[in-house]
Amino acid sequence: MDFRLLVIILMSAVLVNNYVLRQFLGICPFLGVSKDLKNATGMSIAVIFVMLMATAVTWPIQVYLLDRNNLGYLQTIVFILVIAALVQLVETVLKKYIPALYVALGVYLPLITTNCAVLGVTIANFTRTTPYNFIESMVNALGSGLGFFLAMVVFSGVRGRVESSEPPKPFEGLPITLISAAILSVAFFGFNGVIENLFG
């Protein structure tokens, strides 16, 4: 196992190929829950858990069931069903053990089921030129989850600063939020090529 490759996969998923700021997946919770740091952190931890568990379950399903039986066309449907079941598990656990976070996340918790970032991670593990093996897929899922967490926490801080300032009337609310997200996204483009050259 090439440890250097795993570090590159992890760091690339967090900074270079960030699913929210680079690939624009998972925008709904990114904009909806990032107003409050506590809620953003709770949502991010839930997404990391679902990404890891979804990858752990979907990888063997894809390799040992779908690919071997020429059922690859069912990939999206099967993966969504797996993700939906995992989100139900997270929802049940939060409702029982952390009810305050469950109430705070509200409608955004079930929306993890349709969070494109979670589905995108599980599918991207197989759509590369050289598909990831199981360990690489898990590292990619962890990096993608941490990238989601980083985007949520940083954007929560940015929104706090922006909302405490006084933007011009036409930019109040959603417009200034979208402009802030765009600037943050452009900032992440600065990581292009850094990771590969750092470990090259």
N, C-alpha and C. Protein backbone atom coordinates (compact mmCIF):
# COMPACT_ATOMS: atom_id res chain seq x y z
N MET A 1 0.85 -1.19 0.00
CA MET A 1 0.00 0.00 0.00
C MET A 1 0.89 1.25 0.00
N ASP A 2 0.67 2.11 -0.98
CA ASP A 2 1.46 3.33 -1.12
C ASP A 2 0.87 4.42 -0.22
N PHE A 3 1.54 4.67 0.92
CA PHE A 3 1.05 5.66 1.88
C PHE A 3 1.01 7.06 1.25
N ARG A 4 2.01 7.37 0.41
CA ARG A 4 2.07 8.69 -0.23
C ARG A 4 0.84 8.91 -1.11
N LEU A 5 0.42 7.86 -1.82
CA LEU A 5 -0.77 7.96 -2.67
C LEU A 5 -2.02 8.22 -1.83
N LEU A 6 -2.13 7.56 -0.68
CA LEU A 6 -3.29 7.77 0.20
C LEU A 6 -3.34 9.20 0.72
N VAL A 7 -2.17 9.76 1.05
CA VAL A 7 -2.11 11.15 1.51
C VAL A 7 -2.53 12.10 0.40
N ILE A 8 -2.09 11.82 -0.83
CA ILE A 8 -2.47 12.65 -1.98
C ILE A 8 -3.98 12.58 -2.20
N ILE A 9 -4.54 11.37 -2.14
CA ILE A 9 -6.00 11.20 -2.31
C ILE A 9 -6.74 11.99 -1.25
N LEU A 10 -6.29 11.87 0.01
CA LEU A 10 -6.95 12.56 1.13
C LEU A 10 -6.90 14.07 0.96
N MET A 11 -5.70 14.60 0.74
CA MET A 11 -5.53 16.05 0.64
C MET A 11 -6.20 16.62 -0.61
N SER A 12 -6.18 15.86 -1.70
CA SER A 12 -6.85 16.31 -2.93
C SER A 12 -8.36 16.40 -2.71
N ALA A 13 -8.92 15.41 -2.01
CA ALA A 13 -10.37 15.42 -1.76
C ALA A 13 -10.77 16.59 -0.87
N VAL A 14 -9.89 16.94 0.09
CA VAL A 14 -10.21 18.04 1.00
C VAL A 14 -10.07 19.39 0.31
N LEU A 15 -8.97 19.61 -0.40
CA LEU A 15 -8.64 20.96 -0.89
C LEU A 15 -8.86 21.15 -2.40
N VAL A 16 -8.35 20.21 -3.20
CA VAL A 16 -8.35 20.42 -4.65
C VAL A 16 -9.69 20.06 -5.28
N ASN A 17 -10.21 18.88 -4.94
CA ASN A 17 -11.47 18.41 -5.54
C ASN A 17 -12.62 18.54 -4.57
N ASN A 18 -12.65 19.59 -3.80
CA ASN A 18 -13.70 19.80 -2.79
C ASN A 18 -15.08 19.72 -3.46
N TYR A 19 -15.92 18.82 -2.95
CA TYR A 19 -17.20 18.57 -3.61
C TYR A 19 -18.14 19.77 -3.58
N VAL A 20 -18.03 20.60 -2.56
CA VAL A 20 -18.91 21.77 -2.47
C VAL A 20 -18.34 22.94 -3.25
N LEU A 21 -17.09 23.28 -3.00
CA LEU A 21 -16.52 24.51 -3.56
C LEU A 21 -15.90 24.34 -4.94
N ARG A 22 -15.63 23.11 -5.34
CA ARG A 22 -15.02 22.89 -6.64
C ARG A 22 -15.97 22.20 -7.61
N GLN A 23 -16.71 21.21 -7.10
CA GLN A 23 -17.61 20.45 -7.97
C GLN A 23 -19.07 20.86 -7.80
N PHE A 24 -19.33 21.75 -6.84
CA PHE A 24 -20.66 22.32 -6.62
C PHE A 24 -21.74 21.27 -6.38
N LEU A 25 -21.39 20.28 -5.58
CA LEU A 25 -22.36 19.27 -5.15
C LEU A 25 -22.63 19.49 -3.66
N GLY A 26 -23.86 19.25 -3.22
CA GLY A 26 -24.20 19.45 -1.82
C GLY A 26 -24.43 20.90 -1.46
N ILE A 27 -24.87 21.69 -2.43
CA ILE A 27 -25.05 23.13 -2.21
C ILE A 27 -26.23 23.43 -1.28
N CYS A 28 -27.25 22.59 -1.31
CA CYS A 28 -28.45 22.84 -0.49
C CYS A 28 -28.11 22.94 1.00
N PRO A 29 -27.48 21.92 1.61
CA PRO A 29 -27.11 22.08 3.03
C PRO A 29 -26.03 23.12 3.24
N PHE A 30 -25.17 23.31 2.24
CA PHE A 30 -24.10 24.30 2.34
C PHE A 30 -24.68 25.69 2.54
N LEU A 31 -25.72 26.03 1.80
CA LEU A 31 -26.35 27.35 1.94
C LEU A 31 -27.36 27.38 3.07
N GLY A 32 -28.01 26.24 3.33
CA GLY A 32 -29.10 26.23 4.30
C GLY A 32 -28.69 26.13 5.75
N VAL A 33 -27.61 25.40 6.04
CA VAL A 33 -27.25 25.12 7.42
C VAL A 33 -26.04 25.92 7.88
N SER A 34 -25.36 26.61 6.98
CA SER A 34 -24.11 27.28 7.33
C SER A 34 -24.28 28.60 8.08
N LYS A 35 -25.50 28.99 8.39
CA LYS A 35 -25.70 30.24 9.14
C LYS A 35 -25.15 30.14 10.56
N ASP A 36 -25.25 28.95 11.14
CA ASP A 36 -24.85 28.75 12.54
C ASP A 36 -23.72 27.71 12.59
N LEU A 37 -22.63 28.04 13.26
CA LEU A 37 -21.45 27.17 13.31
C LEU A 37 -21.77 25.81 13.94
N LYS A 38 -22.57 25.81 14.99
CA LYS A 38 -22.91 24.56 15.67
C LYS A 38 -23.68 23.63 14.74
N ASN A 39 -24.68 24.18 14.04
CA ASN A 39 -25.47 23.37 13.11
C ASN A 39 -24.62 22.91 11.93
N ALA A 40 -23.74 23.80 11.45
CA ALA A 40 -22.87 23.45 10.33
C ALA A 40 -21.94 22.30 10.71
N THR A 41 -21.43 22.34 11.94
CA THR A 41 -20.55 21.28 12.42
C THR A 41 -21.31 19.96 12.56
N GLY A 42 -22.50 20.03 13.14
CA GLY A 42 -23.32 18.82 13.31
C GLY A 42 -23.69 18.19 11.98
N MET A 43 -24.10 19.03 11.02
CA MET A 43 -24.43 18.52 9.68
C MET A 43 -23.21 17.90 9.03
N SER A 44 -22.05 18.53 9.18
CA SER A 44 -20.83 18.03 8.55
C SER A 44 -20.43 16.67 9.12
N ILE A 45 -20.54 16.52 10.43
CA ILE A 45 -20.20 15.23 11.06
C ILE A 45 -21.15 14.14 10.56
N ALA A 46 -22.43 14.47 10.44
CA ALA A 46 -23.41 13.51 9.91
C ALA A 46 -23.07 13.13 8.47
N VAL A 47 -22.67 14.11 7.65
CA VAL A 47 -22.32 13.85 6.25
C VAL A 47 -21.06 12.99 6.16
N ILE A 48 -20.06 13.28 7.01
CA ILE A 48 -18.83 12.47 7.02
C ILE A 48 -19.17 11.01 7.33
N PHE A 49 -20.01 10.81 8.36
CA PHE A 49 -20.40 9.45 8.74
C PHE A 49 -21.12 8.75 7.59
N VAL A 50 -22.07 9.44 6.96
CA VAL A 50 -22.84 8.83 5.87
C VAL A 50 -21.93 8.55 4.67
N MET A 51 -21.01 9.47 4.35
CA MET A 51 -20.08 9.23 3.24
C MET A 51 -19.23 7.99 3.47
N LEU A 52 -18.68 7.86 4.69
CA LEU A 52 -17.84 6.71 5.01
C LEU A 52 -18.64 5.41 4.97
N MET A 53 -19.80 5.41 5.59
CA MET A 53 -20.61 4.20 5.63
C MET A 53 -21.14 3.84 4.24
N ALA A 54 -21.55 4.86 3.47
CA ALA A 54 -22.05 4.61 2.12
C ALA A 54 -20.97 4.01 1.24
N THR A 55 -19.75 4.52 1.36
CA THR A 55 -18.64 3.98 0.58
C THR A 55 -18.33 2.55 1.00
N ALA A 56 -18.31 2.30 2.32
CA ALA A 56 -18.02 0.96 2.83
C ALA A 56 -19.04 -0.06 2.35
N VAL A 57 -20.29 0.36 2.17
CA VAL A 57 -21.36 -0.56 1.75
C VAL A 57 -21.44 -0.65 0.22
N THR A 58 -21.33 0.49 -0.47
CA THR A 58 -21.54 0.47 -1.92
C THR A 58 -20.37 -0.11 -2.70
N TRP A 59 -19.14 0.01 -2.16
CA TRP A 59 -17.98 -0.52 -2.89
C TRP A 59 -18.10 -2.03 -3.12
N PRO A 60 -18.33 -2.83 -2.07
CA PRO A 60 -18.49 -4.27 -2.32
C PRO A 60 -19.73 -4.60 -3.14
N ILE A 61 -20.81 -3.83 -2.99
CA ILE A 61 -22.00 -4.07 -3.80
C ILE A 61 -21.67 -3.89 -5.28
N GLN A 62 -20.95 -2.80 -5.59
CA GLN A 62 -20.58 -2.52 -6.98
C GLN A 62 -19.65 -3.61 -7.53
N VAL A 63 -18.62 -3.94 -6.78
CA VAL A 63 -17.59 -4.88 -7.27
C VAL A 63 -18.08 -6.32 -7.32
N TYR A 64 -18.73 -6.77 -6.24
CA TYR A 64 -19.07 -8.19 -6.13
C TYR A 64 -20.48 -8.54 -6.60
N LEU A 65 -21.34 -7.55 -6.75
CA LEU A 65 -22.71 -7.84 -7.18
C LEU A 65 -23.03 -7.23 -8.55
N LEU A 66 -22.92 -5.91 -8.65
CA LEU A 66 -23.32 -5.25 -9.89
C LEU A 66 -22.38 -5.56 -11.05
N ASP A 67 -21.07 -5.40 -10.83
CA ASP A 67 -20.11 -5.63 -11.92
C ASP A 67 -20.08 -7.09 -12.36
N ARG A 68 -20.12 -7.99 -11.40
CA ARG A 68 -20.03 -9.42 -11.74
C ARG A 68 -21.25 -9.93 -12.48
N ASN A 69 -22.38 -9.28 -12.30
CA ASN A 69 -23.63 -9.72 -12.94
C ASN A 69 -24.09 -8.77 -14.04
N ASN A 70 -23.17 -7.90 -14.49
CA ASN A 70 -23.49 -6.94 -15.56
C ASN A 70 -24.73 -6.10 -15.22
N LEU A 71 -24.80 -5.64 -13.99
CA LEU A 71 -25.93 -4.83 -13.53
C LEU A 71 -25.49 -3.40 -13.21
N GLY A 72 -24.43 -2.95 -13.85
CA GLY A 72 -23.88 -1.62 -13.58
C GLY A 72 -24.88 -0.50 -13.80
N TYR A 73 -25.87 -0.71 -14.66
CA TYR A 73 -26.88 0.30 -14.94
C TYR A 73 -27.78 0.57 -13.73
N LEU A 74 -27.75 -0.31 -12.73
CA LEU A 74 -28.54 -0.12 -11.51
C LEU A 74 -27.78 0.65 -10.43
N GLN A 75 -26.55 1.07 -10.74
CA GLN A 75 -25.68 1.68 -9.75
C GLN A 75 -26.33 2.83 -8.99
N THR A 76 -26.86 3.81 -9.71
CA THR A 76 -27.43 5.00 -9.07
C THR A 76 -28.59 4.64 -8.15
N ILE A 77 -29.48 3.78 -8.62
CA ILE A 77 -30.66 3.40 -7.83
C ILE A 77 -30.22 2.68 -6.55
N VAL A 78 -29.32 1.72 -6.69
CA VAL A 78 -28.86 0.94 -5.53
C VAL A 78 -28.15 1.84 -4.54
N PHE A 79 -27.28 2.73 -5.05
CA PHE A 79 -26.53 3.61 -4.16
C PHE A 79 -27.45 4.55 -3.40
N ILE A 80 -28.46 5.08 -4.06
CA ILE A 80 -29.42 5.98 -3.39
C ILE A 80 -30.17 5.23 -2.29
N LEU A 81 -30.55 3.99 -2.55
CA LEU A 81 -31.24 3.20 -1.52
C LEU A 81 -30.35 2.97 -0.31
N VAL A 82 -29.07 2.68 -0.56
CA VAL A 82 -28.12 2.47 0.55
C VAL A 82 -27.97 3.76 1.36
N ILE A 83 -27.79 4.88 0.66
CA ILE A 83 -27.63 6.17 1.33
C ILE A 83 -28.87 6.52 2.14
N ALA A 84 -30.05 6.28 1.57
CA ALA A 84 -31.30 6.57 2.28
C ALA A 84 -31.40 5.76 3.57
N ALA A 85 -31.01 4.49 3.52
CA ALA A 85 -31.05 3.65 4.72
C ALA A 85 -30.08 4.16 5.77
N LEU A 86 -28.89 4.59 5.35
CA LEU A 86 -27.90 5.11 6.30
C LEU A 86 -28.35 6.41 6.93
N VAL A 87 -28.99 7.27 6.15
CA VAL A 87 -29.50 8.54 6.69
C VAL A 87 -30.59 8.27 7.73
N GLN A 88 -31.42 7.27 7.47
CA GLN A 88 -32.44 6.89 8.46
C GLN A 88 -31.79 6.45 9.76
N LEU A 89 -30.68 5.73 9.64
CA LEU A 89 -29.94 5.30 10.83
C LEU A 89 -29.41 6.51 11.59
N VAL A 90 -28.77 7.45 10.88
CA VAL A 90 -28.24 8.66 11.51
C VAL A 90 -29.37 9.45 12.18
N GLU A 91 -30.48 9.57 11.47
CA GLU A 91 -31.63 10.33 12.00
C GLU A 91 -32.15 9.71 13.29
N THR A 92 -32.25 8.39 13.32
CA THR A 92 -32.73 7.69 14.51
C THR A 92 -31.78 7.88 15.69
N VAL A 93 -30.47 7.77 15.42
CA VAL A 93 -29.47 7.92 16.48
C VAL A 93 -29.50 9.34 17.05
N LEU A 94 -29.54 10.36 16.15
CA LEU A 94 -29.57 11.74 16.61
C LEU A 94 -30.84 12.05 17.40
N LYS A 95 -31.96 11.52 16.93
CA LYS A 95 -33.23 11.78 17.61
C LYS A 95 -33.23 11.20 19.02
N LYS A 96 -32.55 10.04 19.19
CA LYS A 96 -32.54 9.39 20.49
C LYS A 96 -31.49 9.97 21.42
N TYR A 97 -30.27 10.24 20.89
CA TYR A 97 -29.15 10.60 21.76
C TYR A 97 -28.78 12.09 21.74
N ILE A 98 -29.06 12.79 20.64
CA ILE A 98 -28.73 14.23 20.56
C ILE A 98 -29.94 14.97 20.00
N PRO A 99 -31.04 15.03 20.76
CA PRO A 99 -32.28 15.62 20.24
C PRO A 99 -32.14 17.09 19.87
N ALA A 100 -31.29 17.84 20.57
CA ALA A 100 -31.13 19.27 20.26
C ALA A 100 -30.57 19.45 18.85
N LEU A 101 -29.57 18.65 18.49
CA LEU A 101 -29.00 18.72 17.14
C LEU A 101 -30.00 18.23 16.11
N TYR A 102 -30.76 17.20 16.47
CA TYR A 102 -31.78 16.67 15.56
C TYR A 102 -32.81 17.74 15.22
N VAL A 103 -33.25 18.50 16.23
CA VAL A 103 -34.22 19.58 16.00
C VAL A 103 -33.59 20.72 15.22
N ALA A 104 -32.33 21.04 15.53
CA ALA A 104 -31.64 22.16 14.86
C ALA A 104 -31.44 21.88 13.38
N LEU A 105 -31.11 20.64 13.04
CA LEU A 105 -30.87 20.31 11.63
C LEU A 105 -32.18 20.25 10.85
N GLY A 106 -33.24 19.88 11.54
CA GLY A 106 -34.57 19.91 10.94
C GLY A 106 -34.65 19.19 9.61
N VAL A 107 -35.17 19.87 8.59
CA VAL A 107 -35.41 19.27 7.28
C VAL A 107 -34.12 18.94 6.55
N TYR A 108 -33.01 19.56 6.96
CA TYR A 108 -31.76 19.33 6.24
C TYR A 108 -31.17 17.95 6.51
N LEU A 109 -31.55 17.33 7.63
CA LEU A 109 -31.04 15.99 7.92
C LEU A 109 -31.56 14.96 6.92
N PRO A 110 -32.87 14.87 6.68
CA PRO A 110 -33.33 13.94 5.64
C PRO A 110 -32.79 14.29 4.25
N LEU A 111 -32.45 15.56 4.05
CA LEU A 111 -31.92 15.97 2.74
C LEU A 111 -30.54 15.39 2.45
N ILE A 112 -29.87 14.83 3.46
CA ILE A 112 -28.60 14.15 3.19
C ILE A 112 -28.84 13.01 2.21
N THR A 113 -30.05 12.42 2.25
CA THR A 113 -30.39 11.35 1.33
C THR A 113 -30.20 11.80 -0.12
N THR A 114 -30.60 13.02 -0.41
CA THR A 114 -30.50 13.54 -1.78
C THR A 114 -29.31 14.48 -1.94
N ASN A 115 -28.39 14.45 -0.97
CA ASN A 115 -27.19 15.28 -1.06
C ASN A 115 -26.31 14.71 -2.17
N CYS A 116 -26.16 15.49 -3.23
CA CYS A 116 -25.39 15.03 -4.39
C CYS A 116 -23.95 14.71 -4.03
N ALA A 117 -23.40 15.37 -3.02
CA ALA A 117 -22.01 15.13 -2.63
C ALA A 117 -21.83 13.70 -2.15
N VAL A 118 -22.78 13.18 -1.37
CA VAL A 118 -22.67 11.80 -0.87
C VAL A 118 -22.74 10.82 -2.02
N LEU A 119 -23.72 10.99 -2.89
CA LEU A 119 -23.84 10.12 -4.06
C LEU A 119 -22.65 10.28 -4.99
N GLY A 120 -22.19 11.52 -5.14
CA GLY A 120 -21.05 11.80 -6.01
C GLY A 120 -19.79 11.08 -5.57
N VAL A 121 -19.54 11.03 -4.27
CA VAL A 121 -18.36 10.34 -3.74
C VAL A 121 -18.43 8.85 -4.06
N THR A 122 -19.56 8.24 -3.81
CA THR A 122 -19.67 6.79 -4.01
C THR A 122 -19.52 6.43 -5.49
N ILE A 123 -20.06 7.26 -6.37
CA ILE A 123 -19.95 6.98 -7.81
C ILE A 123 -18.55 7.31 -8.34
N ALA A 124 -17.97 8.41 -7.85
CA ALA A 124 -16.65 8.85 -8.34
C ALA A 124 -15.56 7.81 -8.07
N ASN A 125 -15.75 7.00 -7.05
CA ASN A 125 -14.76 5.96 -6.75
C ASN A 125 -14.60 4.96 -7.90
N PHE A 126 -15.63 4.87 -8.76
CA PHE A 126 -15.60 3.89 -9.86
C PHE A 126 -15.49 4.53 -11.23
N THR A 127 -15.74 5.83 -11.35
CA THR A 127 -15.76 6.47 -12.67
C THR A 127 -14.42 7.07 -13.06
N ARG A 128 -13.41 6.91 -12.23
CA ARG A 128 -12.08 7.38 -12.57
C ARG A 128 -11.47 6.49 -13.65
N THR A 129 -10.40 6.99 -14.30
CA THR A 129 -9.69 6.19 -15.29
C THR A 129 -9.19 4.91 -14.66
N THR A 130 -8.62 5.02 -13.45
CA THR A 130 -8.23 3.86 -12.65
C THR A 130 -9.08 3.88 -11.38
N PRO A 131 -10.14 3.05 -11.32
CA PRO A 131 -11.02 3.08 -10.13
C PRO A 131 -10.24 2.81 -8.85
N TYR A 132 -10.69 3.42 -7.78
CA TYR A 132 -10.06 3.23 -6.47
C TYR A 132 -10.35 1.83 -5.94
N ASN A 133 -9.37 1.25 -5.21
CA ASN A 133 -9.67 0.02 -4.48
C ASN A 133 -10.41 0.40 -3.20
N PHE A 134 -10.68 -0.58 -2.34
CA PHE A 134 -11.52 -0.30 -1.17
C PHE A 134 -10.87 0.72 -0.23
N ILE A 135 -9.58 0.53 0.08
CA ILE A 135 -8.90 1.45 1.00
C ILE A 135 -8.85 2.86 0.41
N GLU A 136 -8.49 2.97 -0.86
CA GLU A 136 -8.44 4.28 -1.53
C GLU A 136 -9.81 4.93 -1.55
N SER A 137 -10.86 4.13 -1.75
CA SER A 137 -12.23 4.66 -1.75
C SER A 137 -12.61 5.22 -0.38
N MET A 138 -12.22 4.49 0.68
CA MET A 138 -12.52 4.95 2.03
C MET A 138 -11.75 6.24 2.35
N VAL A 139 -10.49 6.32 1.92
CA VAL A 139 -9.70 7.54 2.13
C VAL A 139 -10.31 8.70 1.36
N ASN A 140 -10.75 8.43 0.13
CA ASN A 140 -11.40 9.47 -0.68
C ASN A 140 -12.69 9.95 -0.01
N ALA A 141 -13.46 9.01 0.54
CA ALA A 141 -14.71 9.37 1.24
C ALA A 141 -14.41 10.22 2.48
N LEU A 142 -13.38 9.82 3.24
CA LEU A 142 -13.00 10.60 4.42
C LEU A 142 -12.55 12.00 4.02
N GLY A 143 -11.71 12.09 2.99
CA GLY A 143 -11.25 13.40 2.52
C GLY A 143 -12.39 14.26 2.01
N SER A 144 -13.33 13.64 1.30
CA SER A 144 -14.47 14.39 0.78
C SER A 144 -15.35 14.90 1.92
N GLY A 145 -15.54 14.05 2.94
CA GLY A 145 -16.30 14.48 4.12
C GLY A 145 -15.62 15.61 4.87
N LEU A 146 -14.29 15.49 5.02
CA LEU A 146 -13.54 16.56 5.69
C LEU A 146 -13.56 17.84 4.85
N GLY A 147 -13.55 17.69 3.52
CA GLY A 147 -13.67 18.86 2.63
C GLY A 147 -15.02 19.54 2.80
N PHE A 148 -16.07 18.73 2.94
CA PHE A 148 -17.41 19.27 3.19
C PHE A 148 -17.42 20.01 4.52
N PHE A 149 -16.82 19.39 5.54
CA PHE A 149 -16.72 20.00 6.87
C PHE A 149 -15.97 21.34 6.79
N LEU A 150 -14.83 21.35 6.11
CA LEU A 150 -14.04 22.57 5.97
C LEU A 150 -14.84 23.67 5.28
N ALA A 151 -15.51 23.31 4.19
CA ALA A 151 -16.31 24.30 3.46
C ALA A 151 -17.42 24.87 4.34
N MET A 152 -18.10 24.01 5.09
CA MET A 152 -19.20 24.45 5.94
C MET A 152 -18.72 25.38 7.05
N VAL A 153 -17.63 24.99 7.72
CA VAL A 153 -17.12 25.78 8.85
C VAL A 153 -16.58 27.13 8.37
N VAL A 154 -15.79 27.11 7.30
CA VAL A 154 -15.24 28.37 6.78
C VAL A 154 -16.36 29.28 6.31
N PHE A 155 -17.33 28.71 5.59
CA PHE A 155 -18.42 29.54 5.07
C PHE A 155 -19.31 30.06 6.19
N SER A 156 -19.44 29.28 7.27
CA SER A 156 -20.21 29.75 8.42
C SER A 156 -19.58 30.99 9.01
N GLY A 157 -18.23 30.99 9.11
CA GLY A 157 -17.51 32.17 9.60
C GLY A 157 -17.66 33.36 8.67
N VAL A 158 -17.58 33.08 7.36
CA VAL A 158 -17.73 34.15 6.37
C VAL A 158 -19.12 34.75 6.45
N ARG A 159 -20.14 33.91 6.56
CA ARG A 159 -21.51 34.42 6.64
C ARG A 159 -21.73 35.25 7.90
N GLY A 160 -21.11 34.81 9.00
CA GLY A 160 -21.23 35.58 10.24
C GLY A 160 -20.67 36.98 10.08
N ARG A 161 -19.52 37.08 9.42
CA ARG A 161 -18.90 38.40 9.20
C ARG A 161 -19.72 39.24 8.24
N VAL A 162 -20.20 38.61 7.17
CA VAL A 162 -20.97 39.35 6.16
C VAL A 162 -22.28 39.87 6.73
N GLU A 163 -22.98 39.02 7.50
CA GLU A 163 -24.28 39.42 8.04
C GLU A 163 -24.15 40.47 9.14
N SER A 164 -22.98 40.53 9.79
CA SER A 164 -22.79 41.56 10.81
C SER A 164 -22.39 42.90 10.19
N SER A 165 -21.98 42.87 8.92
CA SER A 165 -21.67 44.13 8.22
C SER A 165 -22.96 44.67 7.61
N GLU A 166 -22.84 45.75 6.88
CA GLU A 166 -24.03 46.34 6.27
C GLU A 166 -23.82 46.42 4.76
N PRO A 167 -24.15 45.33 4.05
CA PRO A 167 -24.02 45.37 2.59
C PRO A 167 -25.08 46.28 1.99
N PRO A 168 -24.87 46.77 0.77
CA PRO A 168 -25.89 47.59 0.11
C PRO A 168 -27.23 46.84 0.05
N LYS A 169 -28.31 47.57 0.09
CA LYS A 169 -29.66 46.98 0.14
C LYS A 169 -29.89 45.89 -0.91
N PRO A 170 -29.51 46.13 -2.20
CA PRO A 170 -29.77 45.09 -3.21
C PRO A 170 -29.03 43.78 -2.95
N PHE A 171 -27.96 43.82 -2.14
CA PHE A 171 -27.15 42.63 -1.91
C PHE A 171 -27.49 41.91 -0.61
N GLU A 172 -28.41 42.45 0.18
CA GLU A 172 -28.75 41.82 1.45
C GLU A 172 -29.38 40.45 1.24
N GLY A 173 -29.10 39.53 2.16
CA GLY A 173 -29.71 38.20 2.11
C GLY A 173 -28.99 37.25 1.16
N LEU A 174 -29.78 36.63 0.27
CA LEU A 174 -29.23 35.62 -0.62
C LEU A 174 -28.17 36.14 -1.59
N PRO A 175 -28.32 37.32 -2.19
CA PRO A 175 -27.28 37.78 -3.13
C PRO A 175 -25.88 37.84 -2.51
N ILE A 176 -25.75 38.42 -1.33
CA ILE A 176 -24.42 38.54 -0.72
C ILE A 176 -23.91 37.17 -0.29
N THR A 177 -24.83 36.25 0.07
CA THR A 177 -24.44 34.88 0.42
C THR A 177 -23.84 34.17 -0.79
N LEU A 178 -24.50 34.31 -1.94
CA LEU A 178 -24.01 33.66 -3.16
C LEU A 178 -22.68 34.26 -3.63
N ILE A 179 -22.55 35.58 -3.50
CA ILE A 179 -21.29 36.23 -3.87
C ILE A 179 -20.16 35.75 -2.96
N SER A 180 -20.44 35.64 -1.66
CA SER A 180 -19.44 35.15 -0.71
C SER A 180 -19.03 33.71 -1.04
N ALA A 181 -20.02 32.88 -1.38
CA ALA A 181 -19.73 31.48 -1.73
C ALA A 181 -18.87 31.42 -2.99
N ALA A 182 -19.16 32.28 -3.96
CA ALA A 182 -18.38 32.30 -5.20
C ALA A 182 -16.93 32.71 -4.94
N ILE A 183 -16.73 33.72 -4.10
CA ILE A 183 -15.36 34.16 -3.78
C ILE A 183 -14.60 33.06 -3.03
N LEU A 184 -15.28 32.38 -2.10
CA LEU A 184 -14.65 31.29 -1.36
C LEU A 184 -14.28 30.15 -2.32
N SER A 185 -15.16 29.88 -3.28
CA SER A 185 -14.89 28.84 -4.27
C SER A 185 -13.67 29.18 -5.11
N VAL A 186 -13.57 30.43 -5.54
CA VAL A 186 -12.41 30.87 -6.33
C VAL A 186 -11.13 30.72 -5.51
N ALA A 187 -11.22 31.01 -4.21
CA ALA A 187 -10.04 30.88 -3.35
C ALA A 187 -9.52 29.45 -3.34
N PHE A 188 -10.43 28.46 -3.36
CA PHE A 188 -10.02 27.06 -3.33
C PHE A 188 -9.38 26.62 -4.64
N PHE A 189 -9.63 27.34 -5.73
CA PHE A 189 -8.99 27.01 -7.00
C PHE A 189 -7.48 27.23 -6.91
N GLY A 190 -7.03 28.00 -5.92
CA GLY A 190 -5.61 28.24 -5.73
C GLY A 190 -4.83 27.00 -5.32
N PHE A 191 -5.54 25.95 -4.88
CA PHE A 191 -4.86 24.71 -4.47
C PHE A 191 -4.54 23.79 -5.65
N ASN A 192 -4.97 24.15 -6.86
CA ASN A 192 -4.70 23.33 -8.05
C ASN A 192 -3.21 23.04 -8.19
N GLY A 193 -2.86 21.79 -8.31
CA GLY A 193 -1.47 21.40 -8.54
C GLY A 193 -0.58 21.42 -7.32
N VAL A 194 -1.06 22.01 -6.21
CA VAL A 194 -0.22 22.13 -5.01
C VAL A 194 0.06 20.76 -4.41
N ILE A 195 -0.99 19.94 -4.25
CA ILE A 195 -0.85 18.65 -3.55
C ILE A 195 0.10 17.73 -4.30
N GLU A 196 -0.10 17.59 -5.62
CA GLU A 196 0.75 16.70 -6.41
C GLU A 196 2.21 17.15 -6.37
N ASN A 197 2.44 18.45 -6.46
CA ASN A 197 3.82 18.96 -6.44
C ASN A 197 4.44 18.87 -5.05
N LEU A 198 3.59 18.95 -4.03
CA LEU A 198 4.09 18.88 -2.65
C LEU A 198 4.66 17.51 -2.36
N PHE A 199 3.99 16.47 -2.89
CA PHE A 199 4.42 15.09 -2.63
C PHE A 199 5.09 14.45 -3.84
N GLY A 200 5.31 15.26 -4.92
CA GLY A 200 5.86 14.70 -6.15
C GLY A 200 7.32 14.36 -6.07
